[in-house]
Amino acid sequence: MSIAVSDEAARWYKKELSLAEGDAVRFYARYSSNSEIHPGFSLGISVEPPVSPALTQDVENIHFYMEDQDLWYINGYRLNVEYIEHEDDIRYAYMPESQ
């Protein structure tokens, strides 16, 4: 399991969430209509300091992380967070660890 946030995606988060250097963005599992890996759940984000981070990556002076309690959501996957320029939006790509 891992998370990888592209530089472009990190800049998008900074702009959209008005983040300052040193801020932290949490990825977490939340109830939702659907996702490609877990029906009834999707990936949520929040700006908050980590408590028990299990996966982390620092990009563009922003700390991206996933707490230990949410790891089940990407178990067996690598989460790639990418910026899609023509949509001016983020895409979450779940890559099986075996690839």
C-alpha atoms as a PDB file:
ATOM      1  CA  MET A   1       0.000   0.000   0.000  1.00  0.00           C
ATOM      2  CA  SER A   2       1.165   3.480  -0.763  1.00  0.00           C
ATOM      3  CA  ILE A   3      -0.018   6.923  -1.720  1.00  0.00           C
ATOM      4  CA  ALA A   4       1.610   9.013  -4.425  1.00  0.00           C
ATOM      5  CA  VAL A   5       0.488  12.603  -4.972  1.00  0.00           C
ATOM      6  CA  SER A   6       1.820  14.289  -8.110  1.00  0.00           C
ATOM      7  CA  ASP A   7       3.312  17.779  -7.883  1.00  0.00           C
ATOM      8  CA  GLU A   8       0.496  19.103 -10.063  1.00  0.00           C
ATOM      9  CA  ALA A   9      -2.145  17.514  -7.817  1.00  0.00           C
ATOM     10  CA  ALA A  10      -0.508  19.017  -4.726  1.00  0.00           C
ATOM     11  CA  ARG A  11      -0.590  22.472  -6.329  1.00  0.00           C
ATOM     12  CA  TRP A  12      -4.294  21.959  -7.148  1.00  0.00           C
ATOM     13  CA  TYR A  13      -5.039  21.084  -3.496  1.00  0.00           C
ATOM     14  CA  LYS A  14      -3.091  24.156  -2.339  1.00  0.00           C
ATOM     15  CA  LYS A  15      -5.169  26.376  -4.612  1.00  0.00           C
ATOM     16  CA  GLU A  16      -8.581  24.769  -4.042  1.00  0.00           C
ATOM     17  CA  LEU A  17      -8.251  24.368  -0.261  1.00  0.00           C
ATOM     18  CA  SER A  18      -6.227  27.560   0.370  1.00  0.00           C
ATOM     19  CA  LEU A  19      -3.458  25.511   1.987  1.00  0.00           C
ATOM     20  CA  ALA A  20      -0.361  27.033   3.535  1.00  0.00           C
ATOM     21  CA  GLU A  21       3.065  25.435   3.777  1.00  0.00           C
ATOM     22  CA  GLY A  22       3.050  22.759   6.445  1.00  0.00           C
ATOM     23  CA  ASP A  23      -0.703  22.038   6.241  1.00  0.00           C
ATOM     24  CA  ALA A  24      -1.830  18.412   6.193  1.00  0.00           C
ATOM     25  CA  VAL A  25      -4.411  16.731   3.956  1.00  0.00           C
ATOM     26  CA  ARG A  26      -5.947  13.495   5.169  1.00  0.00           C
ATOM     27  CA  PHE A  27      -7.334  10.850   2.805  1.00  0.00           C
ATOM     28  CA  TYR A  28      -9.981   8.696   4.467  1.00  0.00           C
ATOM     29  CA  ALA A  29     -12.700   6.163   3.688  1.00  0.00           C
ATOM     30  CA  ARG A  30     -16.230   7.531   3.865  1.00  0.00           C
ATOM     31  CA  TYR A  31     -19.724   6.265   3.186  1.00  0.00           C
ATOM     32  CA  SER A  32     -20.746   7.212  -0.317  1.00  0.00           C
ATOM     33  CA  SER A  33     -22.566   5.934  -3.354  1.00  0.00           C
ATOM     34  CA  ASN A  34     -19.699   4.062  -4.932  1.00  0.00           C
ATOM     35  CA  SER A  35     -16.034   3.686  -5.789  1.00  0.00           C
ATOM     36  CA  GLU A  36     -14.232   1.415  -8.156  1.00  0.00           C
ATOM     37  CA  ILE A  37     -12.762  -0.672  -5.318  1.00  0.00           C
ATOM     38  CA  HIS A  38     -15.402  -0.616  -2.527  1.00  0.00           C
ATOM     39  CA  PRO A  39     -19.134  -0.300  -3.285  1.00  0.00           C
ATOM     40  CA  GLY A  40     -20.799   2.040  -0.792  1.00  0.00           C
ATOM     41  CA  PHE A  41     -17.566   3.895   0.051  1.00  0.00           C
ATOM     42  CA  SER A  42     -15.370   6.521  -1.535  1.00  0.00           C
ATOM     43  CA  LEU A  43     -12.255   8.471  -0.714  1.00  0.00           C
ATOM     44  CA  GLY A  44     -12.762  11.636   1.302  1.00  0.00           C
ATOM     45  CA  ILE A  45     -10.334  14.422   2.147  1.00  0.00           C
ATOM     46  CA  SER A  46     -10.013  16.796   5.047  1.00  0.00           C
ATOM     47  CA  VAL A  47      -7.486  19.363   6.190  1.00  0.00           C
ATOM     48  CA  GLU A  48      -6.397  18.282   9.651  1.00  0.00           C
ATOM     49  CA  PRO A  49      -3.221  17.296  11.479  1.00  0.00           C
ATOM     50  CA  PRO A  50      -2.364  13.595  11.626  1.00  0.00           C
ATOM     51  CA  VAL A  51      -3.034  11.511  14.728  1.00  0.00           C
ATOM     52  CA  SER A  52      -1.848   8.034  13.757  1.00  0.00           C
ATOM     53  CA  PRO A  53      -0.578   8.309  10.173  1.00  0.00           C
ATOM     54  CA  ALA A  54       0.275   5.057   8.427  1.00  0.00           C
ATOM     55  CA  LEU A  55       1.025   6.293   4.898  1.00  0.00           C
ATOM     56  CA  THR A  56       2.518   9.709   4.242  1.00  0.00           C
ATOM     57  CA  GLN A  57       3.982  11.804   1.471  1.00  0.00           C
ATOM     58  CA  ASP A  58       5.181  15.408   1.514  1.00  0.00           C
ATOM     59  CA  VAL A  59       4.692  17.283  -1.765  1.00  0.00           C
ATOM     60  CA  GLU A  60       4.924  21.033  -2.381  1.00  0.00           C
ATOM     61  CA  ASN A  61       5.403  21.512   1.393  1.00  0.00           C
ATOM     62  CA  ILE A  62       2.020  19.884   2.109  1.00  0.00           C
ATOM     63  CA  HIS A  63       1.771  16.715   4.190  1.00  0.00           C
ATOM     64  CA  PHE A  64      -0.569  14.134   2.590  1.00  0.00           C
ATOM     65  CA  TYR A  65      -1.444  11.111   4.684  1.00  0.00           C
ATOM     66  CA  MET A  66      -3.800   8.277   5.496  1.00  0.00           C
ATOM     67  CA  GLU A  67      -4.510   7.225   9.069  1.00  0.00           C
ATOM     68  CA  ASP A  68      -3.987   3.643  10.188  1.00  0.00           C
ATOM     69  CA  GLN A  69      -7.750   3.152  10.690  1.00  0.00           C
ATOM     70  CA  ASP A  70      -8.432   3.851   6.987  1.00  0.00           C
ATOM     71  CA  LEU A  71      -5.827   1.565   5.433  1.00  0.00           C
ATOM     72  CA  TRP A  72      -8.415  -1.151   4.777  1.00  0.00           C
ATOM     73  CA  TYR A  73      -9.765   1.042   1.990  1.00  0.00           C
ATOM     74  CA  ILE A  74      -6.632   0.746  -0.150  1.00  0.00           C
ATOM     75  CA  ASN A  75      -5.451  -2.665   1.053  1.00  0.00           C
ATOM     76  CA  GLY A  76      -3.797  -4.313  -1.947  1.00  0.00           C
ATOM     77  CA  TYR A  77      -3.595  -1.048  -3.920  1.00  0.00           C
ATOM     78  CA  ARG A  78      -1.339   1.910  -4.547  1.00  0.00           C
ATOM     79  CA  LEU A  79      -3.264   5.182  -4.544  1.00  0.00           C
ATOM     80  CA  ASN A  80      -2.067   7.608  -7.218  1.00  0.00           C
ATOM     81  CA  VAL A  81      -3.482  11.126  -6.927  1.00  0.00           C
ATOM     82  CA  GLU A  82      -3.215  12.879 -10.273  1.00  0.00           C
ATOM     83  CA  TYR A  83      -4.223  16.252 -11.665  1.00  0.00           C
ATOM     84  CA  ILE A  84      -6.288  16.199 -14.866  1.00  0.00           C
ATOM     85  CA  GLU A  85      -5.525  19.510 -16.556  1.00  0.00           C
ATOM     86  CA  HIS A  86      -8.371  19.634 -19.096  1.00  0.00           C
ATOM     87  CA  GLU A  87     -10.890  19.043 -16.281  1.00  0.00           C
ATOM     88  CA  ASP A  88      -9.043  21.132 -13.687  1.00  0.00           C
ATOM     89  CA  ASP A  89      -9.736  18.326 -11.240  1.00  0.00           C
ATOM     90  CA  ILE A  90      -8.187  15.440  -9.360  1.00  0.00           C
ATOM     91  CA  ARG A  91      -8.337  11.757 -10.249  1.00  0.00           C
ATOM     92  CA  TYR A  92      -7.760   8.935  -7.808  1.00  0.00           C
ATOM     93  CA  ALA A  93      -6.218   5.929  -9.535  1.00  0.00           C
ATOM     94  CA  TYR A  94      -6.112   2.662  -7.633  1.00  0.00           C
ATOM     95  CA  MET A  95      -3.353   0.428  -8.965  1.00  0.00           C
ATOM     96  CA  PRO A  96      -3.165  -3.182  -7.789  1.00  0.00           C
ATOM     97  CA  GLU A  97       0.084  -3.729  -5.891  1.00  0.00           C
ATOM     98  CA  SER A  98       0.946  -6.607  -8.201  1.00  0.00           C
ATOM     99  CA  GLN A  99       1.355  -4.214 -11.185  1.00  0.00           C
END
